[in-house]
C-alpha atoms as a PDB file:
ATOM      1  CA  MET A   1       7.755  56.490  65.954  1.00  0.00           C
ATOM      2  CA  ARG A   2       5.323  58.691  64.552  1.00  0.00           C
ATOM      3  CA  TYR A   3       5.360  57.465  61.095  1.00  0.00           C
ATOM      4  CA  VAL A   4       4.534  53.969  62.192  1.00  0.00           C
ATOM      5  CA  SER A   5       1.311  54.949  63.996  1.00  0.00           C
ATOM      6  CA  SER A   6       0.529  56.820  60.867  1.00  0.00           C
ATOM      7  CA  ILE A   7       1.035  53.767  58.824  1.00  0.00           C
ATOM      8  CA  VAL A   8      -1.207  51.773  61.243  1.00  0.00           C
ATOM      9  CA  ALA A   9      -3.560  54.153  61.396  1.00  0.00           C
ATOM     10  CA  ALA A  10      -3.789  54.137  57.130  1.00  0.00           C
ATOM     11  CA  ALA A  11      -4.293  50.395  57.344  1.00  0.00           C
ATOM     12  CA  LEU A  12      -6.958  50.471  59.443  1.00  0.00           C
ATOM     13  CA  ALA A  13      -8.919  52.923  57.809  1.00  0.00           C
ATOM     14  CA  CYS A  14      -8.291  50.624  54.438  1.00  0.00           C
ATOM     15  CA  VAL A  15      -9.220  47.740  56.035  1.00  0.00           C
ATOM     16  CA  ALA A  16     -12.834  49.474  57.829  1.00  0.00           C
ATOM     17  CA  LEU A  17     -13.262  51.087  54.140  1.00  0.00           C
ATOM     18  CA  ALA A  18     -12.847  47.407  52.460  1.00  0.00           C
ATOM     19  CA  SER A  19     -15.118  45.652  54.999  1.00  0.00           C
ATOM     20  CA  ALA A  20     -17.988  48.564  54.438  1.00  0.00           C
ATOM     21  CA  TYR A  21     -19.003  47.377  51.378  1.00  0.00           C
ATOM     22  CA  ALA A  22     -20.174  43.770  51.672  1.00  0.00           C
ATOM     23  CA  PHE A  23     -20.320  40.941  48.700  1.00  0.00           C
ATOM     24  CA  ASP A  24     -23.571  40.534  47.204  1.00  0.00           C
ATOM     25  CA  GLU A  25     -24.240  37.645  45.458  1.00  0.00           C
ATOM     26  CA  THR A  26     -27.861  38.323  44.518  1.00  0.00           C
ATOM     27  CA  LYS A  27     -26.053  40.554  41.637  1.00  0.00           C
ATOM     28  CA  TYR A  28     -24.336  37.238  40.251  1.00  0.00           C
ATOM     29  CA  PRO A  29     -25.570  34.406  38.264  1.00  0.00           C
ATOM     30  CA  ASP A  30     -25.207  31.089  40.258  1.00  0.00           C
ATOM     31  CA  TRP A  31     -22.419  29.164  39.150  1.00  0.00           C
ATOM     32  CA  LYS A  32     -22.466  26.167  41.552  1.00  0.00           C
ATOM     33  CA  GLY A  33     -23.160  22.592  40.501  1.00  0.00           C
ATOM     34  CA  GLN A  34     -21.161  19.884  38.847  1.00  0.00           C
ATOM     35  CA  TRP A  35     -18.923  21.113  35.786  1.00  0.00           C
ATOM     36  CA  MET A  36     -18.567  18.358  33.776  1.00  0.00           C
ATOM     37  CA  GLY A  37     -15.754  19.311  30.843  1.00  0.00           C
ATOM     38  CA  GLY A  38     -15.970  17.228  27.010  1.00  0.00           C
ATOM     39  CA  TRP A  39     -12.613  15.885  27.966  1.00  0.00           C
ATOM     40  CA  ILE A  40     -13.994  13.972  30.975  1.00  0.00           C
ATOM     41  CA  HIS A  41     -16.695  11.977  28.789  1.00  0.00           C
ATOM     42  CA  ARG A  42     -16.312  11.326  25.537  1.00  0.00           C
ATOM     43  CA  ALA A  43     -18.680   9.620  23.305  1.00  0.00           C
ATOM     44  CA  PRO A  44     -17.424   5.955  22.654  1.00  0.00           C
ATOM     45  CA  GLY A  45     -15.444   5.970  19.472  1.00  0.00           C
ATOM     46  CA  VAL A  46     -14.701   9.621  19.458  1.00  0.00           C
ATOM     47  CA  THR A  47     -10.934  10.007  18.704  1.00  0.00           C
ATOM     48  CA  GLY A  48      -8.488  12.762  19.054  1.00  0.00           C
ATOM     49  CA  GLN A  49      -7.987  15.484  21.889  1.00  0.00           C
ATOM     50  CA  PRO A  50     -10.952  17.217  23.027  1.00  0.00           C
ATOM     51  CA  SER A  51     -12.526  19.449  20.769  1.00  0.00           C
ATOM     52  CA  TYR A  52     -15.523  21.523  20.128  1.00  0.00           C
ATOM     53  CA  ASP A  53     -18.202  19.185  20.295  1.00  0.00           C
ATOM     54  CA  PRO A  54     -16.981  16.412  22.941  1.00  0.00           C
ATOM     55  CA  LEU A  55     -19.182  14.059  20.645  1.00  0.00           C
ATOM     56  CA  LYS A  56     -17.573  14.162  17.725  1.00  0.00           C
ATOM     57  CA  SER A  57     -13.806  13.574  16.581  1.00  0.00           C
ATOM     58  CA  GLU A  58     -11.219  16.352  15.972  1.00  0.00           C
ATOM     59  CA  GLY A  59     -10.373  17.943  12.804  1.00  0.00           C
ATOM     60  CA  ARG A  60     -12.540  17.167   9.944  1.00  0.00           C
ATOM     61  CA  GLY A  61     -14.822  15.322  12.099  1.00  0.00           C
ATOM     62  CA  GLN A  62     -16.071  18.688  13.493  1.00  0.00           C
ATOM     63  CA  GLY A  63     -18.129  19.429  10.818  1.00  0.00           C
ATOM     64  CA  ALA A  64     -17.432  23.294  10.275  1.00  0.00           C
ATOM     65  CA  PRO A  65     -20.010  25.262   8.433  1.00  0.00           C
ATOM     66  CA  LEU A  66     -17.284  26.181   5.860  1.00  0.00           C
ATOM     67  CA  THR A  67     -18.869  28.126   2.366  1.00  0.00           C
ATOM     68  CA  PRO A  68     -17.005  26.265  -0.834  1.00  0.00           C
ATOM     69  CA  GLU A  69     -14.320  29.130  -0.673  1.00  0.00           C
ATOM     70  CA  TYR A  70     -13.387  28.694   2.473  1.00  0.00           C
ATOM     71  CA  ARG A  71     -13.673  24.786   2.538  1.00  0.00           C
ATOM     72  CA  LYS A  72     -10.849  25.067  -0.218  1.00  0.00           C
ATOM     73  CA  ILE A  73      -8.667  26.973   2.012  1.00  0.00           C
ATOM     74  CA  HIS A  74      -8.919  24.967   4.726  1.00  0.00           C
ATOM     75  CA  GLU A  75      -8.237  21.873   2.829  1.00  0.00           C
ATOM     76  CA  ALA A  76      -5.243  23.297   1.334  1.00  0.00           C
ATOM     77  CA  SER A  77      -3.966  24.169   5.071  1.00  0.00           C
ATOM     78  CA  MET A  78      -4.542  20.846   6.166  1.00  0.00           C
ATOM     79  CA  ALA A  79      -2.973  19.032   3.523  1.00  0.00           C
ATOM     80  CA  ASP A  80       0.282  21.723   4.159  1.00  0.00           C
ATOM     81  CA  GLN A  81       0.216  20.798   7.981  1.00  0.00           C
ATOM     82  CA  ALA A  82      -0.046  17.178   6.942  1.00  0.00           C
ATOM     83  CA  ASN A  83       3.324  18.007   5.068  1.00  0.00           C
ATOM     84  CA  GLY A  84       4.813  18.929   7.738  1.00  0.00           C
ATOM     85  CA  GLY A  85       4.081  23.568   6.920  1.00  0.00           C
ATOM     86  CA  PRO A  86       2.543  25.623   9.298  1.00  0.00           C
ATOM     87  CA  GLY A  87      -0.576  25.164   6.856  1.00  0.00           C
ATOM     88  CA  ASN A  88      -2.367  29.024   7.979  1.00  0.00           C
ATOM     89  CA  ASP A  89      -0.878  29.645  11.085  1.00  0.00           C
ATOM     90  CA  LEU A  90       1.847  31.777  10.359  1.00  0.00           C
END
């Protein structure tokens, strides 16, 4: 019985210590309000899965700003994927 009362006392001490630190909402940004993902409201005519820019189609439609060197690598990867390969995703 002595151990049970020790456990209860320890639990009460933990609760008392935890409640001593009040949550201060002013330390954090206000993220309240309505959140809408791009997949909820797609622009008319935009096809494919939700993408980075919801106003553009997926894949090449996103128009990534690639250098000519990396554009060639990307095109080779896309062609490999179109033929059933892994592309650059190894």
